[in-house]
Protein backbone atom coordinates (compact mmCIF):
# COMPACT_ATOMS: atom_id res chain seq x y z
CA MET A 1 16.56 17.70 -8.25
CA ILE A 2 18.67 16.94 -5.32
CA ASN A 3 16.17 18.74 -3.00
CA SER A 4 13.29 16.45 -4.13
CA ILE A 5 15.45 13.20 -3.68
CA LEU A 6 16.13 14.28 -0.11
CA VAL A 7 12.61 15.09 0.67
CA LYS A 8 11.32 11.91 -0.85
CA LYS A 9 13.97 9.93 1.10
CA LYS A 10 12.75 11.33 4.38
CA SER A 11 9.14 11.78 3.55
CA LEU A 12 6.39 10.08 5.61
CA PRO A 13 4.51 8.82 2.55
CA LEU A 14 7.58 6.91 1.43
CA ARG A 15 8.27 5.38 4.83
CA LEU A 16 4.77 4.33 5.07
CA PHE A 17 4.87 2.74 1.41
CA ILE A 18 8.00 0.80 2.51
CA GLU A 19 6.40 -0.36 5.84
CA ALA A 20 3.20 -1.52 3.82
CA GLN A 21 5.48 -3.38 1.33
CA LYS A 22 6.85 -5.17 4.04
CA ASN A 23 3.51 -6.24 5.57
CA GLU A 24 2.49 -7.21 2.05
CA ASN A 25 5.50 -9.48 1.62
CA ASN A 26 4.99 -11.05 5.07
CA GLY A 27 1.38 -11.88 4.06
CA HIS A 28 -0.24 -9.36 6.45
CA PHE A 29 -2.57 -8.06 3.61
CA GLU A 30 -5.14 -6.30 5.84
CA GLU A 31 -2.23 -4.41 7.62
CA ALA A 32 -0.63 -3.58 4.36
CA VAL A 33 -3.93 -1.99 2.99
CA ILE A 34 -4.30 0.09 6.04
CA THR A 35 -0.77 1.40 5.82
CA TYR A 36 -1.05 2.04 2.06
CA GLU A 37 -4.02 3.95 2.60
CA SER A 38 -2.30 6.13 5.25
CA ALA A 39 0.59 6.66 2.75
CA LEU A 40 -1.86 7.61 0.01
CA ASP A 41 -3.43 10.16 2.39
CA GLU A 42 -0.07 11.51 3.25
CA ALA A 43 1.09 11.53 -0.42
CA ARG A 44 -2.09 13.59 -1.44
CA LYS A 45 -0.58 16.41 0.66
CA PHE A 46 2.57 16.72 -1.47
CA ARG A 47 2.40 17.75 -4.97
CA PHE A 48 5.48 15.80 -6.22
CA HIS A 49 4.43 12.44 -5.08
CA GLY A 50 2.31 11.60 -8.25
CA SER A 51 4.18 8.56 -9.29
CA LEU A 52 4.03 7.28 -5.66
CA LYS A 53 0.25 7.96 -5.58
CA ASN A 54 -0.30 5.96 -8.70
CA ARG A 55 1.83 3.07 -7.32
CA ILE A 56 -0.11 2.88 -3.96
CA ILE A 57 -3.43 3.02 -5.80
CA ASP A 58 -2.30 0.09 -7.99
CA LYS A 59 -1.08 -1.78 -4.87
CA LEU A 60 -4.45 -1.27 -3.13
CA LYS A 61 -6.40 -2.63 -6.20
CA VAL A 62 -4.31 -5.66 -6.22
CA LEU A 63 -4.58 -6.25 -2.41
CA HIS A 64 -8.32 -5.73 -2.44
CA THR A 65 -8.38 -8.48 -5.17
CA THR A 66 -6.27 -10.73 -3.25
CA ILE A 67 -8.04 -10.38 0.05
CA ALA A 68 -11.37 -11.01 -1.79
CA TYR A 69 -10.05 -14.14 -3.39
CA LYS A 70 -8.47 -15.34 -0.14
CA ASN A 71 -11.71 -14.88 1.66
CA SER A 72 -13.81 -16.55 -0.99
CA PHE A 73 -11.49 -19.51 -1.15
CA GLN A 74 -11.81 -19.99 2.64
CA PHE A 75 -15.50 -19.69 2.42
CA VAL A 76 -15.63 -22.42 -0.23
CA ARG A 77 -13.26 -24.64 1.77
CA GLN A 78 -15.32 -24.42 4.86
CA GLN A 79 -18.69 -25.61 3.47
CA PRO A 80 -19.17 -29.51 3.75
């Protein structure tokens, strides 16, 4: 138990996840998607990051929807 906590605390997937959350909170959605995808690739290498993988997948779904909405909203506003 303690070993897995220490590994999770220092793991690359978790650090990438935290960085992606910061990008998302700052409104940099495209950067957040790239960082989440990198975190997901790294999390797939470790067997005990199952819940982290699920959280990243959920975040990616929401971000893709948000980006699509944002782009369609900008497209509608630009038409005269």
